[in-house]
């Protein structure tokens, strides 16, 4: 029963949770190149919008059982993650936006390095018709033999694009509320009182701490493999969620809260 709880529920719940919140944050920072403060404000607003659904789906699971809600959350993540993350990428893709060349700004500055040498920095700010802007910072050198790091880019989204991204993140967090809202009651109902604490603790913490906690690391690592793209990392959480969904659909029961303590 411990293994069934792990592989049929908490493993899938863990990857849905960490993908929708933590890997999504990593993705919009490192792949979409959204500016740090704006990226975090997008996550914060999305969480505020979606948090009440923890209570809604927890309450609903008291009426119709936990299994169907948890598995539906997993299935929605499996089916939609590639589409949603591509939409996040498209929202921030400045190559698809119309630039306003007359507003372009170029700044050159100098900073003192650890070796007491001045480093010249060039920052180019481009503006787009949707209200977005992109800053590109690059180092300048008068010595052609010096290998410089690639330019650093960051994008500040316009209001419309920002709220589109908030909407997609909020939708994914709703998937989290579906798998996470009922999980505590599900685990309580799965085991008799005398062994409940150990039995529910083991699958919960492995499912979330190992399978879920490794999502940002493994997914990001996959995107660095030659031949991969910005969406390749999603195959890890999606694959784990598929396995968990199949096991849960075949073997989990759909007990309701009136059975707590039996």
C-alpha atoms as a PDB file:
ATOM      1  CA  UNK A   1       0.000   0.000   0.000  1.00  0.00           C
ATOM      2  CA  UNK A   2       2.930   2.337   0.660  1.00  0.00           C
ATOM      3  CA  UNK A   3       4.307   1.679  -2.820  1.00  0.00           C
ATOM      4  CA  UNK A   4       0.851   2.108  -4.330  1.00  0.00           C
ATOM      5  CA  UNK A   5       0.452   5.470  -2.585  1.00  0.00           C
ATOM      6  CA  UNK A   6       3.881   6.510  -3.908  1.00  0.00           C
ATOM      7  CA  UNK A   7       3.645   5.331  -7.509  1.00  0.00           C
ATOM      8  CA  UNK A   8      -0.087   5.804  -7.956  1.00  0.00           C
ATOM      9  CA  UNK A   9      -0.545   9.205  -6.319  1.00  0.00           C
ATOM     10  CA  UNK A  10       2.248  11.183  -4.615  1.00  0.00           C
ATOM     11  CA  UNK A  11       4.819  10.663  -7.369  1.00  0.00           C
ATOM     12  CA  UNK A  12       2.490  12.179  -9.967  1.00  0.00           C
ATOM     13  CA  UNK A  13       1.268  14.820  -7.534  1.00  0.00           C
ATOM     14  CA  UNK A  14       4.868  15.837  -6.834  1.00  0.00           C
ATOM     15  CA  UNK A  15       5.888  16.374 -10.466  1.00  0.00           C
ATOM     16  CA  UNK A  16       2.671  18.269 -11.274  1.00  0.00           C
ATOM     17  CA  UNK A  17       3.251  20.556  -8.295  1.00  0.00           C
ATOM     18  CA  UNK A  18       6.922  21.284  -8.978  1.00  0.00           C
ATOM     19  CA  UNK A  19       6.461  21.678 -12.736  1.00  0.00           C
ATOM     20  CA  UNK A  20       3.544  24.096 -12.481  1.00  0.00           C
ATOM     21  CA  UNK A  21       5.203  26.338  -9.910  1.00  0.00           C
ATOM     22  CA  UNK A  22       8.958  25.909  -9.578  1.00  0.00           C
ATOM     23  CA  UNK A  23       9.989  24.751 -13.050  1.00  0.00           C
ATOM     24  CA  UNK A  24       7.593  27.296 -14.544  1.00  0.00           C
ATOM     25  CA  UNK A  25       9.455  30.006 -12.638  1.00  0.00           C
ATOM     26  CA  UNK A  26      12.802  28.653 -13.817  1.00  0.00           C
ATOM     27  CA  UNK A  27      11.497  28.442 -17.392  1.00  0.00           C
ATOM     28  CA  UNK A  28      10.317  32.044 -17.644  1.00  0.00           C
ATOM     29  CA  UNK A  29      13.613  33.232 -16.167  1.00  0.00           C
ATOM     30  CA  UNK A  30      16.047  31.119 -18.196  1.00  0.00           C
ATOM     31  CA  UNK A  31      14.172  30.301 -21.418  1.00  0.00           C
ATOM     32  CA  UNK A  32      11.761  33.199 -21.770  1.00  0.00           C
ATOM     33  CA  UNK A  33      14.403  35.601 -20.346  1.00  0.00           C
ATOM     34  CA  UNK A  34      11.799  37.604 -18.426  1.00  0.00           C
ATOM     35  CA  UNK A  35      13.333  40.159 -16.070  1.00  0.00           C
ATOM     36  CA  UNK A  36      13.840  38.782 -12.547  1.00  0.00           C
ATOM     37  CA  UNK A  37      11.455  40.989 -10.565  1.00  0.00           C
ATOM     38  CA  UNK A  38       8.701  40.773 -13.165  1.00  0.00           C
ATOM     39  CA  UNK A  39       9.042  36.986 -13.402  1.00  0.00           C
ATOM     40  CA  UNK A  40       8.606  36.624  -9.662  1.00  0.00           C
ATOM     41  CA  UNK A  41       5.674  39.036  -9.573  1.00  0.00           C
ATOM     42  CA  UNK A  42       3.994  36.951 -12.307  1.00  0.00           C
ATOM     43  CA  UNK A  43       4.373  33.816 -10.175  1.00  0.00           C
ATOM     44  CA  UNK A  44       3.124  35.642  -7.071  1.00  0.00           C
ATOM     45  CA  UNK A  45      -0.027  36.999  -8.732  1.00  0.00           C
ATOM     46  CA  UNK A  46      -0.780  33.617 -10.326  1.00  0.00           C
ATOM     47  CA  UNK A  47      -0.495  31.948  -6.915  1.00  0.00           C
ATOM     48  CA  UNK A  48      -2.828  34.493  -5.319  1.00  0.00           C
ATOM     49  CA  UNK A  49      -5.423  33.886  -8.029  1.00  0.00           C
ATOM     50  CA  UNK A  50      -5.244  30.098  -7.803  1.00  0.00           C
ATOM     51  CA  UNK A  51      -4.770  29.452  -4.079  1.00  0.00           C
ATOM     52  CA  UNK A  52      -8.516  29.378  -3.211  1.00  0.00           C
ATOM     53  CA  UNK A  53      -8.857  26.304  -5.418  1.00  0.00           C
ATOM     54  CA  UNK A  54      -6.975  24.253  -2.815  1.00  0.00           C
ATOM     55  CA  UNK A  55     -10.007  24.659  -0.570  1.00  0.00           C
ATOM     56  CA  UNK A  56     -12.470  24.159  -3.427  1.00  0.00           C
ATOM     57  CA  UNK A  57     -11.003  20.852  -4.621  1.00  0.00           C
ATOM     58  CA  UNK A  58     -10.351  19.664  -1.071  1.00  0.00           C
ATOM     59  CA  UNK A  59     -14.019  20.240  -0.275  1.00  0.00           C
ATOM     60  CA  UNK A  60     -15.154  18.676  -3.538  1.00  0.00           C
ATOM     61  CA  UNK A  61     -13.111  15.563  -2.795  1.00  0.00           C
ATOM     62  CA  UNK A  62     -15.135  15.116   0.409  1.00  0.00           C
ATOM     63  CA  UNK A  63     -18.214  14.720  -1.771  1.00  0.00           C
ATOM     64  CA  UNK A  64     -17.027  12.721  -4.785  1.00  0.00           C
ATOM     65  CA  UNK A  65     -13.827  11.113  -3.494  1.00  0.00           C
ATOM     66  CA  UNK A  66     -10.136  11.879  -3.922  1.00  0.00           C
ATOM     67  CA  UNK A  67      -9.070   9.610  -6.762  1.00  0.00           C
ATOM     68  CA  UNK A  68     -10.923  11.238  -9.636  1.00  0.00           C
ATOM     69  CA  UNK A  69      -9.802  14.775  -8.743  1.00  0.00           C
ATOM     70  CA  UNK A  70      -6.149  13.800  -8.264  1.00  0.00           C
ATOM     71  CA  UNK A  71      -6.029  11.802 -11.496  1.00  0.00           C
ATOM     72  CA  UNK A  72      -7.806  14.554 -13.439  1.00  0.00           C
ATOM     73  CA  UNK A  73      -5.160  17.049 -12.296  1.00  0.00           C
ATOM     74  CA  UNK A  74      -2.419  14.685 -13.456  1.00  0.00           C
ATOM     75  CA  UNK A  75      -4.111  14.110 -16.808  1.00  0.00           C
ATOM     76  CA  UNK A  76      -4.559  17.831 -17.448  1.00  0.00           C
ATOM     77  CA  UNK A  77      -0.837  18.379 -16.821  1.00  0.00           C
ATOM     78  CA  UNK A  78       0.109  15.467 -19.092  1.00  0.00           C
ATOM     79  CA  UNK A  79      -2.040  16.743 -21.957  1.00  0.00           C
ATOM     80  CA  UNK A  80      -1.355  20.468 -21.702  1.00  0.00           C
ATOM     81  CA  UNK A  81       2.179  21.100 -20.424  1.00  0.00           C
ATOM     82  CA  UNK A  82       3.891  21.201 -23.814  1.00  0.00           C
ATOM     83  CA  UNK A  83       1.232  23.545 -25.206  1.00  0.00           C
ATOM     84  CA  UNK A  84       1.217  25.870 -22.174  1.00  0.00           C
ATOM     85  CA  UNK A  85       5.001  26.137 -21.920  1.00  0.00           C
ATOM     86  CA  UNK A  86       5.196  26.854 -25.652  1.00  0.00           C
ATOM     87  CA  UNK A  87       2.642  29.630 -25.141  1.00  0.00           C
ATOM     88  CA  UNK A  88       4.790  31.074 -22.338  1.00  0.00           C
ATOM     89  CA  UNK A  89       7.751  31.007 -24.705  1.00  0.00           C
ATOM     90  CA  UNK A  90       5.738  32.634 -27.520  1.00  0.00           C
ATOM     91  CA  UNK A  91       4.517  35.440 -25.241  1.00  0.00           C
ATOM     92  CA  UNK A  92       8.102  36.509 -24.538  1.00  0.00           C
ATOM     93  CA  UNK A  93       9.485  35.854 -28.028  1.00  0.00           C
ATOM     94  CA  UNK A  94      10.533  39.309 -29.240  1.00  0.00           C
ATOM     95  CA  UNK A  95      11.232  38.011 -32.747  1.00  0.00           C
ATOM     96  CA  UNK A  96       7.464  37.866 -33.228  1.00  0.00           C
ATOM     97  CA  UNK A  97       6.957  41.431 -31.942  1.00  0.00           C
ATOM     98  CA  UNK A  98       7.174  44.705 -33.859  1.00  0.00           C
ATOM     99  CA  UNK A  99      10.151  46.792 -32.779  1.00  0.00           C
ATOM    100  CA  UNK A 100      10.068  50.582 -32.533  1.00  0.00           C
ATOM    101  CA  UNK A 101      13.555  51.554 -33.789  1.00  0.00           C
ATOM    102  CA  UNK A 102      13.058  55.253 -33.071  1.00  0.00           C
ATOM    103  CA  UNK A 103      12.873  54.501 -29.319  1.00  0.00           C
ATOM    104  CA  UNK A 104      16.037  52.422 -29.151  1.00  0.00           C
ATOM    105  CA  UNK A 105      18.470  53.503 -26.445  1.00  0.00           C
ATOM    106  CA  UNK A 106      22.205  52.719 -26.243  1.00  0.00           C
ATOM    107  CA  UNK A 107      24.228  53.253 -23.089  1.00  0.00           C
ATOM    108  CA  UNK A 108      27.925  52.646 -22.436  1.00  0.00           C
ATOM    109  CA  UNK A 109      29.304  52.374 -18.924  1.00  0.00           C
ATOM    110  CA  UNK A 110      32.485  51.308 -17.160  1.00  0.00           C
ATOM    111  CA  UNK A 111      32.921  49.147 -14.058  1.00  0.00           C
ATOM    112  CA  UNK A 112      36.040  48.217 -12.123  1.00  0.00           C
ATOM    113  CA  UNK A 113      36.927  44.532 -12.188  1.00  0.00           C
ATOM    114  CA  UNK A 114      38.697  42.550  -9.452  1.00  0.00           C
ATOM    115  CA  UNK A 115      41.952  42.997 -11.343  1.00  0.00           C
ATOM    116  CA  UNK A 116      41.644  46.798 -11.115  1.00  0.00           C
ATOM    117  CA  UNK A 117      40.916  47.035 -14.823  1.00  0.00           C
ATOM    118  CA  UNK A 118      37.941  48.824 -16.275  1.00  0.00           C
ATOM    119  CA  UNK A 119      35.356  46.771 -18.140  1.00  0.00           C
ATOM    120  CA  UNK A 120      33.206  48.568 -20.677  1.00  0.00           C
ATOM    121  CA  UNK A 121      29.550  47.588 -20.842  1.00  0.00           C
ATOM    122  CA  UNK A 122      27.159  48.396 -23.650  1.00  0.00           C
ATOM    123  CA  UNK A 123      23.412  48.201 -22.961  1.00  0.00           C
ATOM    124  CA  UNK A 124      20.924  48.381 -25.815  1.00  0.00           C
ATOM    125  CA  UNK A 125      17.249  48.829 -24.909  1.00  0.00           C
ATOM    126  CA  UNK A 126      14.674  48.064 -27.594  1.00  0.00           C
ATOM    127  CA  UNK A 127      10.970  48.841 -27.330  1.00  0.00           C
ATOM    128  CA  UNK A 128       8.082  47.013 -28.995  1.00  0.00           C
ATOM    129  CA  UNK A 129       4.603  48.065 -29.998  1.00  0.00           C
ATOM    130  CA  UNK A 130       2.936  45.790 -27.412  1.00  0.00           C
ATOM    131  CA  UNK A 131       4.658  47.653 -24.569  1.00  0.00           C
ATOM    132  CA  UNK A 132       7.419  45.094 -24.058  1.00  0.00           C
ATOM    133  CA  UNK A 133      11.085  45.991 -23.948  1.00  0.00           C
ATOM    134  CA  UNK A 134      14.354  44.063 -24.156  1.00  0.00           C
ATOM    135  CA  UNK A 135      17.710  45.004 -22.655  1.00  0.00           C
ATOM    136  CA  UNK A 136      20.849  43.495 -24.146  1.00  0.00           C
ATOM    137  CA  UNK A 137      24.020  43.991 -22.108  1.00  0.00           C
ATOM    138  CA  UNK A 138      27.378  43.093 -23.633  1.00  0.00           C
ATOM    139  CA  UNK A 139      31.006  43.646 -22.702  1.00  0.00           C
ATOM    140  CA  UNK A 140      33.266  45.626 -24.984  1.00  0.00           C
ATOM    141  CA  UNK A 141      36.973  45.100 -25.495  1.00  0.00           C
ATOM    142  CA  UNK A 142      39.653  46.776 -27.550  1.00  0.00           C
ATOM    143  CA  UNK A 143      41.619  43.521 -27.700  1.00  0.00           C
ATOM    144  CA  UNK A 144      40.367  41.192 -30.422  1.00  0.00           C
ATOM    145  CA  UNK A 145      42.112  38.206 -28.829  1.00  0.00           C
ATOM    146  CA  UNK A 146      40.001  38.422 -25.664  1.00  0.00           C
ATOM    147  CA  UNK A 147      37.048  36.041 -25.662  1.00  0.00           C
ATOM    148  CA  UNK A 148      34.046  37.891 -24.271  1.00  0.00           C
ATOM    149  CA  UNK A 149      30.971  36.276 -22.692  1.00  0.00           C
ATOM    150  CA  UNK A 150      27.792  36.256 -24.778  1.00  0.00           C
ATOM    151  CA  UNK A 151      25.437  39.236 -24.407  1.00  0.00           C
ATOM    152  CA  UNK A 152      22.991  39.012 -21.500  1.00  0.00           C
ATOM    153  CA  UNK A 153      19.372  39.616 -22.432  1.00  0.00           C
ATOM    154  CA  UNK A 154      16.327  40.315 -20.301  1.00  0.00           C
ATOM    155  CA  UNK A 155      12.779  41.070 -21.362  1.00  0.00           C
ATOM    156  CA  UNK A 156      10.207  43.211 -19.586  1.00  0.00           C
ATOM    157  CA  UNK A 157       6.755  42.281 -20.811  1.00  0.00           C
ATOM    158  CA  UNK A 158       4.030  44.770 -21.629  1.00  0.00           C
ATOM    159  CA  UNK A 159       0.820  44.683 -19.569  1.00  0.00           C
ATOM    160  CA  UNK A 160      -1.133  42.510 -21.995  1.00  0.00           C
ATOM    161  CA  UNK A 161       1.674  39.962 -22.374  1.00  0.00           C
ATOM    162  CA  UNK A 162       2.269  39.973 -18.609  1.00  0.00           C
ATOM    163  CA  UNK A 163      -1.364  39.101 -17.846  1.00  0.00           C
ATOM    164  CA  UNK A 164      -1.392  36.420 -20.506  1.00  0.00           C
ATOM    165  CA  UNK A 165       1.567  34.787 -18.791  1.00  0.00           C
ATOM    166  CA  UNK A 166      -0.105  35.153 -15.388  1.00  0.00           C
ATOM    167  CA  UNK A 167      -3.188  33.424 -16.791  1.00  0.00           C
ATOM    168  CA  UNK A 168      -1.237  30.411 -18.047  1.00  0.00           C
ATOM    169  CA  UNK A 169       0.706  30.067 -14.800  1.00  0.00           C
ATOM    170  CA  UNK A 170      -2.513  30.381 -12.780  1.00  0.00           C
ATOM    171  CA  UNK A 171      -4.079  27.622 -14.871  1.00  0.00           C
ATOM    172  CA  UNK A 172      -1.168  25.304 -14.133  1.00  0.00           C
ATOM    173  CA  UNK A 173      -1.390  26.108 -10.432  1.00  0.00           C
ATOM    174  CA  UNK A 174      -5.037  25.012 -10.584  1.00  0.00           C
ATOM    175  CA  UNK A 175      -3.715  21.623 -11.713  1.00  0.00           C
ATOM    176  CA  UNK A 176      -1.608  21.712  -8.540  1.00  0.00           C
ATOM    177  CA  UNK A 177      -4.668  22.404  -6.402  1.00  0.00           C
ATOM    178  CA  UNK A 178      -6.398  19.381  -7.936  1.00  0.00           C
ATOM    179  CA  UNK A 179      -3.599  16.954  -7.114  1.00  0.00           C
ATOM    180  CA  UNK A 180      -2.530  18.546  -3.828  1.00  0.00           C
ATOM    181  CA  UNK A 181      -5.804  19.667  -2.263  1.00  0.00           C
ATOM    182  CA  UNK A 182      -7.134  16.116  -1.653  1.00  0.00           C
ATOM    183  CA  UNK A 183      -3.778  14.345  -1.110  1.00  0.00           C
ATOM    184  CA  UNK A 184      -3.601  14.591   2.696  1.00  0.00           C
ATOM    185  CA  UNK A 185      -7.105  13.171   3.163  1.00  0.00           C
ATOM    186  CA  UNK A 186      -6.369  10.492   0.571  1.00  0.00           C
ATOM    187  CA  UNK A 187      -3.285   9.303   2.440  1.00  0.00           C
ATOM    188  CA  UNK A 188      -5.079   9.398   5.797  1.00  0.00           C
ATOM    189  CA  UNK A 189      -7.871   7.219   4.430  1.00  0.00           C
ATOM    190  CA  UNK A 190      -5.487   4.774   2.813  1.00  0.00           C
ATOM    191  CA  UNK A 191      -3.902   3.439   6.012  1.00  0.00           C
ATOM    192  CA  UNK A 192      -5.247   2.215   9.369  1.00  0.00           C
ATOM    193  CA  UNK A 193      -4.558   4.393  12.415  1.00  0.00           C
ATOM    194  CA  UNK A 194      -1.887   2.195  14.012  1.00  0.00           C
ATOM    195  CA  UNK A 195       0.525   2.525  11.055  1.00  0.00           C
ATOM    196  CA  UNK A 196      -0.777   5.726   9.494  1.00  0.00           C
ATOM    197  CA  UNK A 197       2.008   8.173  10.384  1.00  0.00           C
ATOM    198  CA  UNK A 198       4.885   6.147   8.951  1.00  0.00           C
ATOM    199  CA  UNK A 199       2.873   4.741   6.052  1.00  0.00           C
ATOM    200  CA  UNK A 200       1.714   8.108   4.721  1.00  0.00           C
ATOM    201  CA  UNK A 201       4.943   9.966   5.526  1.00  0.00           C
ATOM    202  CA  UNK A 202       7.192   7.751   3.396  1.00  0.00           C
ATOM    203  CA  UNK A 203       5.353   8.012   0.050  1.00  0.00           C
ATOM    204  CA  UNK A 204       4.495  11.674   0.597  1.00  0.00           C
ATOM    205  CA  UNK A 205       8.073  12.811   1.154  1.00  0.00           C
ATOM    206  CA  UNK A 206       9.631  10.611  -1.524  1.00  0.00           C
ATOM    207  CA  UNK A 207       6.957  11.586  -4.044  1.00  0.00           C
ATOM    208  CA  UNK A 208       7.394  15.292  -3.382  1.00  0.00           C
ATOM    209  CA  UNK A 209      11.005  15.542  -2.234  1.00  0.00           C
ATOM    210  CA  UNK A 210      12.587  13.192  -4.776  1.00  0.00           C
ATOM    211  CA  UNK A 211      10.350  12.906  -7.838  1.00  0.00           C
ATOM    212  CA  UNK A 212       8.938  16.420  -7.506  1.00  0.00           C
ATOM    213  CA  UNK A 213      11.983  18.141  -6.062  1.00  0.00           C
ATOM    214  CA  UNK A 214      14.227  16.965  -8.878  1.00  0.00           C
ATOM    215  CA  UNK A 215      11.972  18.377 -11.620  1.00  0.00           C
ATOM    216  CA  UNK A 216      13.731  21.772 -11.990  1.00  0.00           C
ATOM    217  CA  UNK A 217      17.184  20.157 -11.995  1.00  0.00           C
ATOM    218  CA  UNK A 218      16.466  17.211 -14.313  1.00  0.00           C
ATOM    219  CA  UNK A 219      14.243  19.186 -16.688  1.00  0.00           C
ATOM    220  CA  UNK A 220      16.832  21.959 -17.008  1.00  0.00           C
ATOM    221  CA  UNK A 221      19.598  19.391 -17.482  1.00  0.00           C
ATOM    222  CA  UNK A 222      17.682  17.702 -20.318  1.00  0.00           C
ATOM    223  CA  UNK A 223      17.472  21.023 -22.193  1.00  0.00           C
ATOM    224  CA  UNK A 224      21.290  21.170 -22.271  1.00  0.00           C
ATOM    225  CA  UNK A 225      21.624  17.860 -24.132  1.00  0.00           C
ATOM    226  CA  UNK A 226      22.590  18.330 -27.811  1.00  0.00           C
ATOM    227  CA  UNK A 227      19.523  18.102 -30.025  1.00  0.00           C
ATOM    228  CA  UNK A 228      17.119  19.158 -27.265  1.00  0.00           C
ATOM    229  CA  UNK A 229      14.989  22.298 -27.280  1.00  0.00           C
ATOM    230  CA  UNK A 230      13.338  24.548 -24.702  1.00  0.00           C
ATOM    231  CA  UNK A 231      10.480  22.062 -24.202  1.00  0.00           C
ATOM    232  CA  UNK A 232      12.527  18.872 -23.953  1.00  0.00           C
ATOM    233  CA  UNK A 233      12.803  19.076 -20.165  1.00  0.00           C
ATOM    234  CA  UNK A 234       9.062  18.537 -19.830  1.00  0.00           C
ATOM    235  CA  UNK A 235       9.383  14.881 -20.800  1.00  0.00           C
ATOM    236  CA  UNK A 236      10.620  14.017 -17.311  1.00  0.00           C
ATOM    237  CA  UNK A 237       7.585  15.287 -15.349  1.00  0.00           C
ATOM    238  CA  UNK A 238       5.180  14.226 -18.085  1.00  0.00           C
ATOM    239  CA  UNK A 239       6.647  10.703 -18.166  1.00  0.00           C
ATOM    240  CA  UNK A 240       6.441  10.362 -14.376  1.00  0.00           C
ATOM    241  CA  UNK A 241       2.875  11.705 -14.364  1.00  0.00           C
ATOM    242  CA  UNK A 242       1.833   9.234 -17.090  1.00  0.00           C
ATOM    243  CA  UNK A 243       3.189   6.306 -15.078  1.00  0.00           C
ATOM    244  CA  UNK A 244       1.512   7.537 -11.894  1.00  0.00           C
ATOM    245  CA  UNK A 245      -1.793   8.136 -13.704  1.00  0.00           C
ATOM    246  CA  UNK A 246      -1.866   4.594 -15.103  1.00  0.00           C
ATOM    247  CA  UNK A 247      -1.048   2.979 -11.749  1.00  0.00           C
ATOM    248  CA  UNK A 248      -3.513   5.198  -9.899  1.00  0.00           C
ATOM    249  CA  UNK A 249      -6.319   4.594 -12.380  1.00  0.00           C
ATOM    250  CA  UNK A 250      -5.875   0.822 -12.177  1.00  0.00           C
ATOM    251  CA  UNK A 251      -5.254   0.279  -8.476  1.00  0.00           C
ATOM    252  CA  UNK A 252      -6.383   3.206  -6.323  1.00  0.00           C
ATOM    253  CA  UNK A 253      -9.739   3.185  -4.548  1.00  0.00           C
ATOM    254  CA  UNK A 254     -11.987   6.217  -4.320  1.00  0.00           C
ATOM    255  CA  UNK A 255     -12.812   6.386  -0.625  1.00  0.00           C
ATOM    256  CA  UNK A 256     -14.610   9.412   0.820  1.00  0.00           C
ATOM    257  CA  UNK A 257     -14.020  11.185   4.135  1.00  0.00           C
ATOM    258  CA  UNK A 258     -16.717   9.268   6.037  1.00  0.00           C
ATOM    259  CA  UNK A 259     -14.257   6.349   6.090  1.00  0.00           C
ATOM    260  CA  UNK A 260     -11.549   8.292   7.999  1.00  0.00           C
ATOM    261  CA  UNK A 261     -10.533   6.329  11.062  1.00  0.00           C
ATOM    262  CA  UNK A 262     -11.816   2.952   9.779  1.00  0.00           C
END
